[in-house]
Amino acid sequence: MGKGRRERISLILPAPTIAALASWLSFRGEEAGPLFTSMDHAGKGSERLTGRVLHQVVSAIARQVGLTVWPHGLRHAAITTALDLTVGDVRSVAKFSRHADIRVLSRYDDNRADMAGVIAALIAG
């Protein structure tokens, strides 16, 4: 579902993502219910994974390898990497990130390329 859960959006998943989901489903089982559930110490495992719990899990895994990471930071890194790999193709990356307004991506691109710094150096010269 798209933003606000109002519209269905078809997404093409890369092969590694499909393989990871298939592996997860072989472990989780294919019965109806949430795809990802909370695995609490009481062993309930039937509650949908919340954003708060996802944040805790991502942060805990990152701490184990000496990093400070949060889910939205991973999204930001993915968008910045996509801009790098597409040489700043803001329109394509907007579709990838599902940003409706490409002006948001322009901020990512400015930070990625330090365009303000480049222009400042040109003016200073």
PDB file of N, CA and C in Angstrom:
ATOM      1  N   MET A   1       0.844  -1.181   0.000  1.00  0.00           N
ATOM      2  CA  MET A   1       0.000   0.000   0.000  1.00  0.00           C
ATOM      3  C   MET A   1       0.885   1.238   0.000  1.00  0.00           C
ATOM      4  N   GLY A   2       0.417   2.258  -0.651  1.00  0.00           N
ATOM      5  CA  GLY A   2       1.161   3.511  -0.702  1.00  0.00           C
ATOM      6  C   GLY A   2       0.981   4.314   0.569  1.00  0.00           C
ATOM      7  N   LYS A   3       1.499   5.515   0.528  1.00  0.00           N
ATOM      8  CA  LYS A   3       1.429   6.397   1.683  1.00  0.00           C
ATOM      9  C   LYS A   3      -0.038   6.632   2.049  1.00  0.00           C
ATOM     10  N   GLY A   4      -0.338   6.548   3.317  1.00  0.00           N
ATOM     11  CA  GLY A   4      -1.712   6.719   3.766  1.00  0.00           C
ATOM     12  C   GLY A   4      -2.572   5.493   3.525  1.00  0.00           C
ATOM     13  N   ARG A   5      -1.969   4.428   3.017  1.00  0.00           N
ATOM     14  CA  ARG A   5      -2.649   3.159   2.748  1.00  0.00           C
ATOM     15  C   ARG A   5      -3.893   3.337   1.873  1.00  0.00           C
ATOM     16  N   ARG A   6      -3.820   4.289   0.923  1.00  0.00           N
ATOM     17  CA  ARG A   6      -4.966   4.557   0.071  1.00  0.00           C
ATOM     18  C   ARG A   6      -4.889   3.857  -1.272  1.00  0.00           C
ATOM     19  N   GLU A   7      -3.698   3.582  -1.745  1.00  0.00           N
ATOM     20  CA  GLU A   7      -3.571   3.030  -3.090  1.00  0.00           C
ATOM     21  C   GLU A   7      -2.637   1.824  -3.096  1.00  0.00           C
ATOM     22  N   ARG A   8      -2.931   0.893  -3.972  1.00  0.00           N
ATOM     23  CA  ARG A   8      -2.052  -0.265  -4.132  1.00  0.00           C
ATOM     24  C   ARG A   8      -0.977   0.098  -5.145  1.00  0.00           C
ATOM     25  N   ILE A   9       0.256  -0.247  -4.807  1.00  0.00           N
ATOM     26  CA  ILE A   9       1.376   0.031  -5.692  1.00  0.00           C
ATOM     27  C   ILE A   9       2.105  -1.280  -5.963  1.00  0.00           C
ATOM     28  N   SER A  10       2.269  -1.606  -7.241  1.00  0.00           N
ATOM     29  CA  SER A  10       3.025  -2.804  -7.599  1.00  0.00           C
ATOM     30  C   SER A  10       4.504  -2.479  -7.562  1.00  0.00           C
ATOM     31  N   LEU A  11       5.271  -3.337  -6.918  1.00  0.00           N
ATOM     32  CA  LEU A  11       6.712  -3.159  -6.838  1.00  0.00           C
ATOM     33  C   LEU A  11       7.399  -4.397  -7.382  1.00  0.00           C
ATOM     34  N   ILE A  12       8.485  -4.197  -8.117  1.00  0.00           N
ATOM     35  CA  ILE A  12       9.299  -5.304  -8.586  1.00  0.00           C
ATOM     36  C   ILE A  12      10.390  -5.514  -7.553  1.00  0.00           C
ATOM     37  N   LEU A  13      10.455  -6.716  -7.013  1.00  0.00           N
ATOM     38  CA  LEU A  13      11.464  -7.016  -6.000  1.00  0.00           C
ATOM     39  C   LEU A  13      12.694  -7.634  -6.656  1.00  0.00           C
ATOM     40  N   PRO A  14      13.883  -7.193  -6.243  1.00  0.00           N
ATOM     41  CA  PRO A  14      15.111  -7.801  -6.766  1.00  0.00           C
ATOM     42  C   PRO A  14      15.220  -9.265  -6.324  1.00  0.00           C
ATOM     43  N   ALA A  15      15.943 -10.057  -7.107  1.00  0.00           N
ATOM     44  CA  ALA A  15      16.100 -11.490  -6.823  1.00  0.00           C
ATOM     45  C   ALA A  15      16.596 -11.770  -5.398  1.00  0.00           C
ATOM     46  N   PRO A  16      17.591 -11.023  -4.867  1.00  0.00           N
ATOM     47  CA  PRO A  16      18.035 -11.306  -3.495  1.00  0.00           C
ATOM     48  C   PRO A  16      16.922 -11.069  -2.450  1.00  0.00           C
ATOM     49  N   THR A  17      16.069 -10.088  -2.705  1.00  0.00           N
ATOM     50  CA  THR A  17      14.953  -9.824  -1.783  1.00  0.00           C
ATOM     51  C   THR A  17      13.942 -10.957  -1.838  1.00  0.00           C
ATOM     52  N   ILE A  18      13.649 -11.420  -3.039  1.00  0.00           N
ATOM     53  CA  ILE A  18      12.719 -12.547  -3.197  1.00  0.00           C
ATOM     54  C   ILE A  18      13.268 -13.780  -2.491  1.00  0.00           C
ATOM     55  N   ALA A  19      14.567 -14.035  -2.645  1.00  0.00           N
ATOM     56  CA  ALA A  19      15.184 -15.202  -1.994  1.00  0.00           C
ATOM     57  C   ALA A  19      15.114 -15.077  -0.471  1.00  0.00           C
ATOM     58  N   ALA A  20      15.365 -13.875   0.056  1.00  0.00           N
ATOM     59  CA  ALA A  20      15.305 -13.667   1.511  1.00  0.00           C
ATOM     60  C   ALA A  20      13.883 -13.868   2.021  1.00  0.00           C
ATOM     61  N   LEU A  21      12.889 -13.353   1.303  1.00  0.00           N
ATOM     62  CA  LEU A  21      11.493 -13.530   1.719  1.00  0.00           C
ATOM     63  C   LEU A  21      11.075 -15.000   1.635  1.00  0.00           C
ATOM     64  N   ALA A  22      11.515 -15.693   0.595  1.00  0.00           N
ATOM     65  CA  ALA A  22      11.197 -17.122   0.468  1.00  0.00           C
ATOM     66  C   ALA A  22      11.797 -17.904   1.627  1.00  0.00           C
ATOM     67  N   SER A  23      13.017 -17.561   1.993  1.00  0.00           N
ATOM     68  CA  SER A  23      13.672 -18.225   3.122  1.00  0.00           C
ATOM     69  C   SER A  23      12.901 -17.956   4.412  1.00  0.00           C
ATOM     70  N   TRP A  24      12.493 -16.691   4.599  1.00  0.00           N
ATOM     71  CA  TRP A  24      11.736 -16.329   5.801  1.00  0.00           C
ATOM     72  C   TRP A  24      10.403 -17.087   5.836  1.00  0.00           C
ATOM     73  N   LEU A  25       9.714 -17.154   4.692  1.00  0.00           N
ATOM     74  CA  LEU A  25       8.416 -17.849   4.656  1.00  0.00           C
ATOM     75  C   LEU A  25       8.571 -19.340   4.928  1.00  0.00           C
ATOM     76  N   SER A  26       9.700 -19.939   4.523  1.00  0.00           N
ATOM     77  CA  SER A  26       9.889 -21.360   4.814  1.00  0.00           C
ATOM     78  C   SER A  26      10.062 -21.570   6.321  1.00  0.00           C
ATOM     79  N   PHE A  27      10.608 -20.577   6.998  1.00  0.00           N
ATOM     80  CA  PHE A  27      10.755 -20.650   8.460  1.00  0.00           C
ATOM     81  C   PHE A  27       9.448 -20.275   9.156  1.00  0.00           C
ATOM     82  N   ARG A  28       8.829 -19.183   8.732  1.00  0.00           N
ATOM     83  CA  ARG A  28       7.624 -18.639   9.357  1.00  0.00           C
ATOM     84  C   ARG A  28       6.401 -19.508   9.078  1.00  0.00           C
ATOM     85  N   GLY A  29       6.328 -20.046   7.875  1.00  0.00           N
ATOM     86  CA  GLY A  29       5.131 -20.758   7.451  1.00  0.00           C
ATOM     87  C   GLY A  29       4.294 -19.852   6.568  1.00  0.00           C
ATOM     88  N   GLU A  30       3.411 -20.447   5.796  1.00  0.00           N
ATOM     89  CA  GLU A  30       2.645 -19.669   4.827  1.00  0.00           C
ATOM     90  C   GLU A  30       1.204 -19.419   5.245  1.00  0.00           C
ATOM     91  N   GLU A  31       0.906 -19.625   6.537  1.00  0.00           N
ATOM     92  CA  GLU A  31      -0.457 -19.358   6.997  1.00  0.00           C
ATOM     93  C   GLU A  31      -0.744 -17.863   6.950  1.00  0.00           C
ATOM     94  N   ALA A  32      -2.019 -17.524   6.923  1.00  0.00           N
ATOM     95  CA  ALA A  32      -2.434 -16.116   6.881  1.00  0.00           C
ATOM     96  C   ALA A  32      -1.980 -15.394   8.151  1.00  0.00           C
ATOM     97  N   GLY A  33      -1.768 -14.112   8.031  1.00  0.00           N
ATOM     98  CA  GLY A  33      -1.367 -13.292   9.166  1.00  0.00           C
ATOM     99  C   GLY A  33      -0.256 -12.351   8.781  1.00  0.00           C
ATOM    100  N   PRO A  34       0.207 -11.567   9.730  1.00  0.00           N
ATOM    101  CA  PRO A  34       1.276 -10.608   9.438  1.00  0.00           C
ATOM    102  C   PRO A  34       2.531 -11.316   8.928  1.00  0.00           C
ATOM    103  N   LEU A  35       3.213 -10.685   7.991  1.00  0.00           N
ATOM    104  CA  LEU A  35       4.445 -11.267   7.450  1.00  0.00           C
ATOM    105  C   LEU A  35       5.532 -11.299   8.513  1.00  0.00           C
ATOM    106  N   PHE A  36       5.665 -10.212   9.269  1.00  0.00           N
ATOM    107  CA  PHE A  36       6.663 -10.128  10.332  1.00  0.00           C
ATOM    108  C   PHE A  36       5.959  -9.918  11.658  1.00  0.00           C
ATOM    109  N   THR A  37       6.289 -10.733  12.632  1.00  0.00           N
ATOM    110  CA  THR A  37       5.638 -10.641  13.934  1.00  0.00           C
ATOM    111  C   THR A  37       6.657 -10.400  15.029  1.00  0.00           C
ATOM    112  N   SER A  38       6.159  -9.887  16.123  1.00  0.00           N
ATOM    113  CA  SER A  38       7.003  -9.657  17.286  1.00  0.00           C
ATOM    114  C   SER A  38       7.311 -11.005  17.931  1.00  0.00           C
ATOM    115  N   MET A  39       8.573 -11.237  18.205  1.00  0.00           N
ATOM    116  CA  MET A  39       8.978 -12.490  18.843  1.00  0.00           C
ATOM    117  C   MET A  39       9.369 -12.171  20.282  1.00  0.00           C
ATOM    118  N   ASP A  40       8.369 -11.963  21.121  1.00  0.00           N
ATOM    119  CA  ASP A  40       8.638 -11.584  22.511  1.00  0.00           C
ATOM    120  C   ASP A  40       9.072 -12.791  23.337  1.00  0.00           C
ATOM    121  N   HIS A  41       9.546 -12.519  24.539  1.00  0.00           N
ATOM    122  CA  HIS A  41      10.056 -13.587  25.407  1.00  0.00           C
ATOM    123  C   HIS A  41       8.949 -14.541  25.872  1.00  0.00           C
ATOM    124  N   ALA A  42       7.711 -14.092  25.819  1.00  0.00           N
ATOM    125  CA  ALA A  42       6.608 -14.953  26.222  1.00  0.00           C
ATOM    126  C   ALA A  42       6.271 -15.968  25.121  1.00  0.00           C
ATOM    127  N   GLY A  43       6.879 -15.777  23.945  1.00  0.00           N
ATOM    128  CA  GLY A  43       6.690 -16.737  22.862  1.00  0.00           C
ATOM    129  C   GLY A  43       5.383 -16.589  22.126  1.00  0.00           C
ATOM    130  N   LYS A  44       4.723 -15.438  22.282  1.00  0.00           N
ATOM    131  CA  LYS A  44       3.442 -15.261  21.597  1.00  0.00           C
ATOM    132  C   LYS A  44       3.635 -15.223  20.085  1.00  0.00           C
ATOM    133  N   GLY A  45       4.456 -14.296  19.603  1.00  0.00           N
ATOM    134  CA  GLY A  45       4.790 -14.241  18.188  1.00  0.00           C
ATOM    135  C   GLY A  45       3.637 -14.036  17.240  1.00  0.00           C
ATOM    136  N   SER A  46       2.500 -13.572  17.716  1.00  0.00           N
ATOM    137  CA  SER A  46       1.357 -13.397  16.828  1.00  0.00           C
ATOM    138  C   SER A  46       1.025 -11.930  16.586  1.00  0.00           C
ATOM    139  N   GLU A  47       1.726 -11.039  17.252  1.00  0.00           N
ATOM    140  CA  GLU A  47       1.459  -9.610  17.092  1.00  0.00           C
ATOM    141  C   GLU A  47       2.297  -9.059  15.944  1.00  0.00           C
ATOM    142  N   ARG A  48       1.687  -8.206  15.150  1.00  0.00           N
ATOM    143  CA  ARG A  48       2.382  -7.565  14.037  1.00  0.00           C
ATOM    144  C   ARG A  48       3.575  -6.774  14.568  1.00  0.00           C
ATOM    145  N   LEU A  49       4.697  -6.830  13.869  1.00  0.00           N
ATOM    146  CA  LEU A  49       5.898  -6.102  14.244  1.00  0.00           C
ATOM    147  C   LEU A  49       5.623  -4.603  14.117  1.00  0.00           C
ATOM    148  N   THR A  50       5.863  -3.864  15.182  1.00  0.00           N
ATOM    149  CA  THR A  50       5.601  -2.425  15.176  1.00  0.00           C
ATOM    150  C   THR A  50       6.840  -1.654  14.741  1.00  0.00           C
ATOM    151  N   GLY A  51       6.648  -0.395  14.386  1.00  0.00           N
ATOM    152  CA  GLY A  51       7.766   0.464  14.033  1.00  0.00           C
ATOM    153  C   GLY A  51       8.741   0.622  15.188  1.00  0.00           C
ATOM    154  N   ARG A  52       8.210   0.699  16.394  1.00  0.00           N
ATOM    155  CA  ARG A  52       9.061   0.858  17.578  1.00  0.00           C
ATOM    156  C   ARG A  52       9.955  -0.360  17.758  1.00  0.00           C
ATOM    157  N   VAL A  53       9.387  -1.551  17.609  1.00  0.00           N
ATOM    158  CA  VAL A  53      10.168  -2.778  17.760  1.00  0.00           C
ATOM    159  C   VAL A  53      11.188  -2.904  16.630  1.00  0.00           C
ATOM    160  N   LEU A  54      10.806  -2.549  15.412  1.00  0.00           N
ATOM    161  CA  LEU A  54      11.740  -2.584  14.293  1.00  0.00           C
ATOM    162  C   LEU A  54      12.936  -1.660  14.578  1.00  0.00           C
ATOM    163  N   HIS A  55      12.664  -0.483  15.106  1.00  0.00           N
ATOM    164  CA  HIS A  55      13.729   0.457  15.464  1.00  0.00           C
ATOM    165  C   HIS A  55      14.664  -0.175  16.495  1.00  0.00           C
ATOM    166  N   GLN A  56      14.095  -0.844  17.495  1.00  0.00           N
ATOM    167  CA  GLN A  56      14.904  -1.489  18.534  1.00  0.00           C
ATOM    168  C   GLN A  56      15.769  -2.608  17.954  1.00  0.00           C
ATOM    169  N   VAL A  57      15.203  -3.407  17.070  1.00  0.00           N
ATOM    170  CA  VAL A  57      15.938  -4.532  16.480  1.00  0.00           C
ATOM    171  C   VAL A  57      17.091  -4.020  15.620  1.00  0.00           C
ATOM    172  N   VAL A  58      16.813  -3.057  14.744  1.00  0.00           N
ATOM    173  CA  VAL A  58      17.860  -2.511  13.871  1.00  0.00           C
ATOM    174  C   VAL A  58      18.965  -1.877  14.706  1.00  0.00           C
ATOM    175  N   SER A  59      18.589  -1.098  15.714  1.00  0.00           N
ATOM    176  CA  SER A  59      19.580  -0.440  16.573  1.00  0.00           C
ATOM    177  C   SER A  59      20.425  -1.456  17.339  1.00  0.00           C
ATOM    178  N   ALA A  60      19.802  -2.521  17.833  1.00  0.00           N
ATOM    179  CA  ALA A  60      20.537  -3.547  18.595  1.00  0.00           C
ATOM    180  C   ALA A  60      21.544  -4.275  17.704  1.00  0.00           C
ATOM    181  N   ILE A  61      21.146  -4.627  16.493  1.00  0.00           N
ATOM    182  CA  ILE A  61      22.064  -5.305  15.573  1.00  0.00           C
ATOM    183  C   ILE A  61      23.225  -4.376  15.222  1.00  0.00           C
ATOM    184  N   ALA A  62      22.930  -3.121  14.988  1.00  0.00           N
ATOM    185  CA  ALA A  62      23.982  -2.152  14.662  1.00  0.00           C
ATOM    186  C   ALA A  62      24.966  -1.998  15.818  1.00  0.00           C
ATOM    187  N   ARG A  63      24.465  -1.942  17.041  1.00  0.00           N
ATOM    188  CA  ARG A  63      25.344  -1.809  18.212  1.00  0.00           C
ATOM    189  C   ARG A  63      26.303  -2.989  18.317  1.00  0.00           C
ATOM    190  N   GLN A  64      25.849  -4.169  17.917  1.00  0.00           N
ATOM    191  CA  GLN A  64      26.703  -5.361  17.984  1.00  0.00           C
ATOM    192  C   GLN A  64      27.937  -5.237  17.094  1.00  0.00           C
ATOM    193  N   VAL A  65      27.859  -4.423  16.047  1.00  0.00           N
ATOM    194  CA  VAL A  65      29.008  -4.235  15.163  1.00  0.00           C
ATOM    195  C   VAL A  65      29.604  -2.828  15.303  1.00  0.00           C
ATOM    196  N   GLY A  66      29.221  -2.142  16.390  1.00  0.00           N
ATOM    197  CA  GLY A  66      29.815  -0.851  16.699  1.00  0.00           C
ATOM    198  C   GLY A  66      29.278   0.329  15.915  1.00  0.00           C
ATOM    199  N   LEU A  67      28.050   0.232  15.413  1.00  0.00           N
ATOM    200  CA  LEU A  67      27.445   1.318  14.644  1.00  0.00           C
ATOM    201  C   LEU A  67      26.227   1.884  15.355  1.00  0.00           C
ATOM    202  N   THR A  68      25.885   3.102  14.998  1.00  0.00           N
ATOM    203  CA  THR A  68      24.631   3.696  15.436  1.00  0.00           C
ATOM    204  C   THR A  68      23.764   3.833  14.193  1.00  0.00           C
ATOM    205  N   VAL A  69      22.704   3.053  14.126  1.00  0.00           N
ATOM    206  CA  VAL A  69      21.854   3.013  12.932  1.00  0.00           C
ATOM    207  C   VAL A  69      20.402   2.971  13.369  1.00  0.00           C
ATOM    208  N   TRP A  70      19.530   3.539  12.556  1.00  0.00           N
ATOM    209  CA  TRP A  70      18.092   3.463  12.792  1.00  0.00           C
ATOM    210  C   TRP A  70      17.423   3.232  11.432  1.00  0.00           C
ATOM    211  N   PRO A  71      16.191   2.723  11.399  1.00  0.00           N
ATOM    212  CA  PRO A  71      15.547   2.368  10.128  1.00  0.00           C
ATOM    213  C   PRO A  71      15.497   3.515   9.116  1.00  0.00           C
ATOM    214  N   HIS A  72      15.127   4.713   9.552  1.00  0.00           N
ATOM    215  CA  HIS A  72      15.041   5.807   8.587  1.00  0.00           C
ATOM    216  C   HIS A  72      16.436   6.169   8.059  1.00  0.00           C
ATOM    217  N   GLY A  73      17.458   5.974   8.876  1.00  0.00           N
ATOM    218  CA  GLY A  73      18.829   6.194   8.417  1.00  0.00           C
ATOM    219  C   GLY A  73      19.200   5.222   7.304  1.00  0.00           C
ATOM    220  N   LEU A  74      18.715   3.987   7.396  1.00  0.00           N
ATOM    221  CA  LEU A  74      18.958   3.003   6.330  1.00  0.00           C
ATOM    222  C   LEU A  74      18.261   3.438   5.043  1.00  0.00           C
ATOM    223  N   ARG A  75      17.048   3.970   5.184  1.00  0.00           N
ATOM    224  CA  ARG A  75      16.316   4.483   4.016  1.00  0.00           C
ATOM    225  C   ARG A  75      17.097   5.637   3.380  1.00  0.00           C
ATOM    226  N   HIS A  76      17.578   6.538   4.214  1.00  0.00           N
ATOM    227  CA  HIS A  76      18.353   7.683   3.724  1.00  0.00           C
ATOM    228  C   HIS A  76      19.609   7.195   2.989  1.00  0.00           C
ATOM    229  N   ALA A  77      20.306   6.207   3.568  1.00  0.00           N
ATOM    230  CA  ALA A  77      21.512   5.659   2.941  1.00  0.00           C
ATOM    231  C   ALA A  77      21.186   4.998   1.608  1.00  0.00           C
ATOM    232  N   ALA A  78      20.066   4.288   1.532  1.00  0.00           N
ATOM    233  CA  ALA A  78      19.670   3.631   0.282  1.00  0.00           C
ATOM    234  C   ALA A  78      19.383   4.668  -0.800  1.00  0.00           C
ATOM    235  N   ILE A  79      18.713   5.751  -0.433  1.00  0.00           N
ATOM    236  CA  ILE A  79      18.390   6.798  -1.409  1.00  0.00           C
ATOM    237  C   ILE A  79      19.665   7.487  -1.882  1.00  0.00           C
ATOM    238  N   THR A  80      20.567   7.787  -0.955  1.00  0.00           N
ATOM    239  CA  THR A  80      21.828   8.424  -1.326  1.00  0.00           C
ATOM    240  C   THR A  80      22.647   7.508  -2.225  1.00  0.00           C
ATOM    241  N   THR A  81      22.694   6.219  -1.909  1.00  0.00           N
ATOM    242  CA  THR A  81      23.413   5.255  -2.746  1.00  0.00           C
ATOM    243  C   THR A  81      22.780   5.172  -4.134  1.00  0.00           C
ATOM    244  N   ALA A  82      21.446   5.164  -4.187  1.00  0.00           N
ATOM    245  CA  ALA A  82      20.758   5.126  -5.483  1.00  0.00           C
ATOM    246  C   ALA A  82      21.107   6.359  -6.304  1.00  0.00           C
ATOM    247  N   LEU A  83      21.189   7.510  -5.676  1.00  0.00           N
ATOM    248  CA  LEU A  83      21.590   8.724  -6.396  1.00  0.00           C
ATOM    249  C   LEU A  83      23.027   8.605  -6.905  1.00  0.00           C
ATOM    250  N   ASP A  84      23.906   8.033  -6.087  1.00  0.00           N
ATOM    251  CA  ASP A  84      25.290   7.814  -6.531  1.00  0.00           C
ATOM    252  C   ASP A  84      25.333   6.892  -7.746  1.00  0.00           C
ATOM    253  N   LEU A  85      24.620   5.770  -7.661  1.00  0.00           N
ATOM    254  CA  LEU A  85      24.675   4.758  -8.720  1.00  0.00           C
ATOM    255  C   LEU A  85      24.000   5.208 -10.013  1.00  0.00           C
ATOM    256  N   THR A  86      23.049   6.150  -9.911  1.00  0.00           N
ATOM    257  CA  THR A  86      22.357   6.653 -11.101  1.00  0.00           C
ATOM    258  C   THR A  86      22.905   8.009 -11.539  1.00  0.00           C
ATOM    259  N   VAL A  87      24.014   8.412 -10.958  1.00  0.00           N
ATOM    260  CA  VAL A  87      24.652   9.699 -11.252  1.00  0.00           C
ATOM    261  C   VAL A  87      23.639  10.839 -11.097  1.00  0.00           C
ATOM    262  N   GLY A  88      22.903  10.797  -9.999  1.00  0.00           N
ATOM    263  CA  GLY A  88      21.986  11.882  -9.666  1.00  0.00           C
ATOM    264  C   GLY A  88      20.679  11.891 -10.436  1.00  0.00           C
ATOM    265  N   ASP A  89      20.225  10.742 -10.925  1.00  0.00           N
ATOM    266  CA  ASP A  89      18.947  10.670 -11.644  1.00  0.00           C
ATOM    267  C   ASP A  89      17.807  10.777 -10.627  1.00  0.00           C
ATOM    268  N   VAL A  90      17.438  12.011 -10.331  1.00  0.00           N
ATOM    269  CA  VAL A  90      16.470  12.289  -9.266  1.00  0.00           C
ATOM    270  C   VAL A  90      15.102  11.695  -9.584  1.00  0.00           C
ATOM    271  N   ARG A  91      14.690  11.734 -10.839  1.00  0.00           N
ATOM    272  CA  ARG A  91      13.358  11.210 -11.197  1.00  0.00           C
ATOM    273  C   ARG A  91      13.269   9.693 -10.967  1.00  0.00           C
ATOM    274  N   SER A  92      14.291   8.953 -11.370  1.00  0.00           N
ATOM    275  CA  SER A  92      14.277   7.500 -11.160  1.00  0.00           C
ATOM    276  C   SER A  92      14.321   7.162  -9.675  1.00  0.00           C
ATOM    277  N   VAL A  93      15.151   7.871  -8.940  1.00  0.00           N
ATOM    278  CA  VAL A  93      15.278   7.599  -7.513  1.00  0.00           C
ATOM    279  C   VAL A  93      14.003   8.003  -6.777  1.00  0.00           C
ATOM    280  N   ALA A  94      13.286   8.998  -7.273  1.00  0.00           N
ATOM    281  CA  ALA A  94      12.000   9.374  -6.671  1.00  0.00           C
ATOM    282  C   ALA A  94      11.011   8.211  -6.784  1.00  0.00           C
ATOM    283  N   LYS A  95      11.041   7.505  -7.909  1.00  0.00           N
ATOM    284  CA  LYS A  95      10.156   6.340  -8.053  1.00  0.00           C
ATOM    285  C   LYS A  95      10.576   5.223  -7.099  1.00  0.00           C
ATOM    286  N   PHE A  96      11.896   5.010  -6.988  1.00  0.00           N
ATOM    287  CA  PHE A  96      12.419   4.000  -6.068  1.00  0.00           C
ATOM    288  C   PHE A  96      12.027   4.308  -4.623  1.00  0.00           C
ATOM    289  N   SER A  97      12.186   5.568  -4.224  1.00  0.00           N
ATOM    290  CA  SER A  97      11.944   5.949  -2.830  1.00  0.00           C
ATOM    291  C   SER A  97      10.477   6.268  -2.557  1.00  0.00           C
ATOM    292  N   ARG A  98       9.690   6.355  -3.620  1.00  0.00           N
ATOM    293  CA  ARG A  98       8.271   6.695  -3.534  1.00  0.00           C
ATOM    294  C   ARG A  98       8.053   8.078  -2.924  1.00  0.00           C
ATOM    295  N   HIS A  99       8.961   9.012  -3.228  1.00  0.00           N
ATOM    296  CA  HIS A  99       8.752  10.408  -2.859  1.00  0.00           C
ATOM    297  C   HIS A  99       7.891  11.043  -3.947  1.00  0.00           C
ATOM    298  N   ALA A 100       6.804  11.677  -3.552  1.00  0.00           N
ATOM    299  CA  ALA A 100       5.923  12.318  -4.524  1.00  0.00           C
ATOM    300  C   ALA A 100       6.539  13.611  -5.045  1.00  0.00           C
ATOM    301  N   ASP A 101       7.344  14.264  -4.229  1.00  0.00           N
ATOM    302  CA  ASP A 101       7.902  15.566  -4.568  1.00  0.00           C
ATOM    303  C   ASP A 101       9.413  15.421  -4.767  1.00  0.00           C
ATOM    304  N   ILE A 102       9.895  15.645  -5.996  1.00  0.00           N
ATOM    305  CA  ILE A 102      11.325  15.457  -6.252  1.00  0.00           C
ATOM    306  C   ILE A 102      12.181  16.513  -5.561  1.00  0.00           C
ATOM    307  N   ARG A 103      11.562  17.571  -5.054  1.00  0.00           N
ATOM    308  CA  ARG A 103      12.351  18.568  -4.320  1.00  0.00           C
ATOM    309  C   ARG A 103      12.975  17.943  -3.071  1.00  0.00           C
ATOM    310  N   VAL A 104      12.306  16.959  -2.481  1.00  0.00           N
ATOM    311  CA  VAL A 104      12.871  16.267  -1.319  1.00  0.00           C
ATOM    312  C   VAL A 104      14.161  15.570  -1.725  1.00  0.00           C
ATOM    313  N   LEU A 105      14.139  14.918  -2.888  1.00  0.00           N
ATOM    314  CA  LEU A 105      15.335  14.207  -3.355  1.00  0.00           C
ATOM    315  C   LEU A 105      16.445  15.167  -3.739  1.00  0.00           C
ATOM    316  N   SER A 106      16.093  16.360  -4.130  1.00  0.00           N
ATOM    317  CA  SER A 106      17.122  17.347  -4.450  1.00  0.00           C
ATOM    318  C   SER A 106      17.974  17.642  -3.227  1.00  0.00           C
ATOM    319  N   ARG A 107      17.368  17.622  -2.048  1.00  0.00           N
ATOM    320  CA  ARG A 107      18.142  17.837  -0.818  1.00  0.00           C
ATOM    321  C   ARG A 107      19.118  16.689  -0.593  1.00  0.00           C
ATOM    322  N   TYR A 108      18.679  15.460  -0.835  1.00  0.00           N
ATOM    323  CA  TYR A 108      19.578  14.310  -0.725  1.00  0.00           C
ATOM    324  C   TYR A 108      20.743  14.476  -1.705  1.00  0.00           C
ATOM    325  N   ASP A 109      20.410  14.866  -2.942  1.00  0.00           N
ATOM    326  CA  ASP A 109      21.427  14.989  -3.974  1.00  0.00           C
ATOM    327  C   ASP A 109      22.411  16.108  -3.642  1.00  0.00           C
ATOM    328  N   ASP A 110      21.919  17.238  -3.128  1.00  0.00           N
ATOM    329  CA  ASP A 110      22.807  18.336  -2.731  1.00  0.00           C
ATOM    330  C   ASP A 110      23.777  17.878  -1.651  1.00  0.00           C
ATOM    331  N   ASN A 111      23.275  17.137  -0.664  1.00  0.00           N
ATOM    332  CA  ASN A 111      24.143  16.648   0.410  1.00  0.00           C
ATOM    333  C   ASN A 111      25.162  15.634  -0.115  1.00  0.00           C
ATOM    334  N   ARG A 112      24.729  14.792  -1.031  1.00  0.00           N
ATOM    335  CA  ARG A 112      25.590  13.759  -1.599  1.00  0.00           C
ATOM    336  C   ARG A 112      26.753  14.372  -2.362  1.00  0.00           C
ATOM    337  N   ALA A 113      26.479  15.363  -3.171  1.00  0.00           N
ATOM    338  CA  ALA A 113      27.505  15.926  -4.036  1.00  0.00           C
ATOM    339  C   ALA A 113      28.122  17.209  -3.468  1.00  0.00           C
ATOM    340  N   ASP A 114      27.645  17.681  -2.318  1.00  0.00           N
ATOM    341  CA  ASP A 114      28.096  18.943  -1.724  1.00  0.00           C
ATOM    342  C   ASP A 114      28.098  20.043  -2.776  1.00  0.00           C
ATOM    343  N   MET A 115      26.996  20.163  -3.495  1.00  0.00           N
ATOM    344  CA  MET A 115      26.898  21.142  -4.562  1.00  0.00           C
ATOM    345  C   MET A 115      27.106  22.567  -4.055  1.00  0.00           C
ATOM    346  N   ALA A 116      26.583  22.845  -2.865  1.00  0.00           N
ATOM    347  CA  ALA A 116      26.772  24.185  -2.317  1.00  0.00           C
ATOM    348  C   ALA A 116      28.254  24.481  -2.124  1.00  0.00           C
ATOM    349  N   GLY A 117      29.011  23.484  -1.651  1.00  0.00           N
ATOM    350  CA  GLY A 117      30.448  23.665  -1.483  1.00  0.00           C
ATOM    351  C   GLY A 117      31.176  23.861  -2.795  1.00  0.00           C
ATOM    352  N   VAL A 118      30.762  23.129  -3.835  1.00  0.00           N
ATOM    353  CA  VAL A 118      31.383  23.258  -5.150  1.00  0.00           C
ATOM    354  C   VAL A 118      31.156  24.665  -5.697  1.00  0.00           C
ATOM    355  N   ILE A 119      29.936  25.155  -5.596  1.00  0.00           N
ATOM    356  CA  ILE A 119      29.620  26.499  -6.096  1.00  0.00           C
ATOM    357  C   ILE A 119      30.356  27.556  -5.282  1.00  0.00           C
ATOM    358  N   ALA A 120      30.416  27.376  -3.963  1.00  0.00           N
ATOM    359  CA  ALA A 120      31.149  28.324  -3.119  1.00  0.00           C
ATOM    360  C   ALA A 120      32.617  28.396  -3.547  1.00  0.00           C
ATOM    361  N   ALA A 121      33.217  27.249  -3.857  1.00  0.00           N
ATOM    362  CA  ALA A 121      34.617  27.236  -4.307  1.00  0.00           C
ATOM    363  C   ALA A 121      34.779  27.947  -5.646  1.00  0.00           C
ATOM    364  N   LEU A 122      33.798  27.765  -6.547  1.00  0.00           N
ATOM    365  CA  LEU A 122      33.855  28.453  -7.834  1.00  0.00           C
ATOM    366  C   LEU A 122      33.791  29.963  -7.658  1.00  0.00           C
ATOM    367  N   ILE A 123      32.888  30.399  -6.796  1.00  0.00           N
ATOM    368  CA  ILE A 123      32.737  31.840  -6.552  1.00  0.00           C
ATOM    369  C   ILE A 123      33.968  32.407  -5.873  1.00  0.00           C
ATOM    370  N   ALA A 124      34.523  31.683  -4.929  1.00  0.00           N
ATOM    371  CA  ALA A 124      35.715  32.143  -4.206  1.00  0.00           C
ATOM    372  C   ALA A 124      36.911  32.284  -5.137  1.00  0.00           C
ATOM    373  N   GLY A 125      36.946  31.416  -6.174  1.00  0.00           N
ATOM    374  CA  GLY A 125      38.066  31.445  -7.117  1.00  0.00           C
ATOM    375  C   GLY A 125      37.957  32.617  -8.026  1.00  0.00           C
TER     376      GLY A 125
END
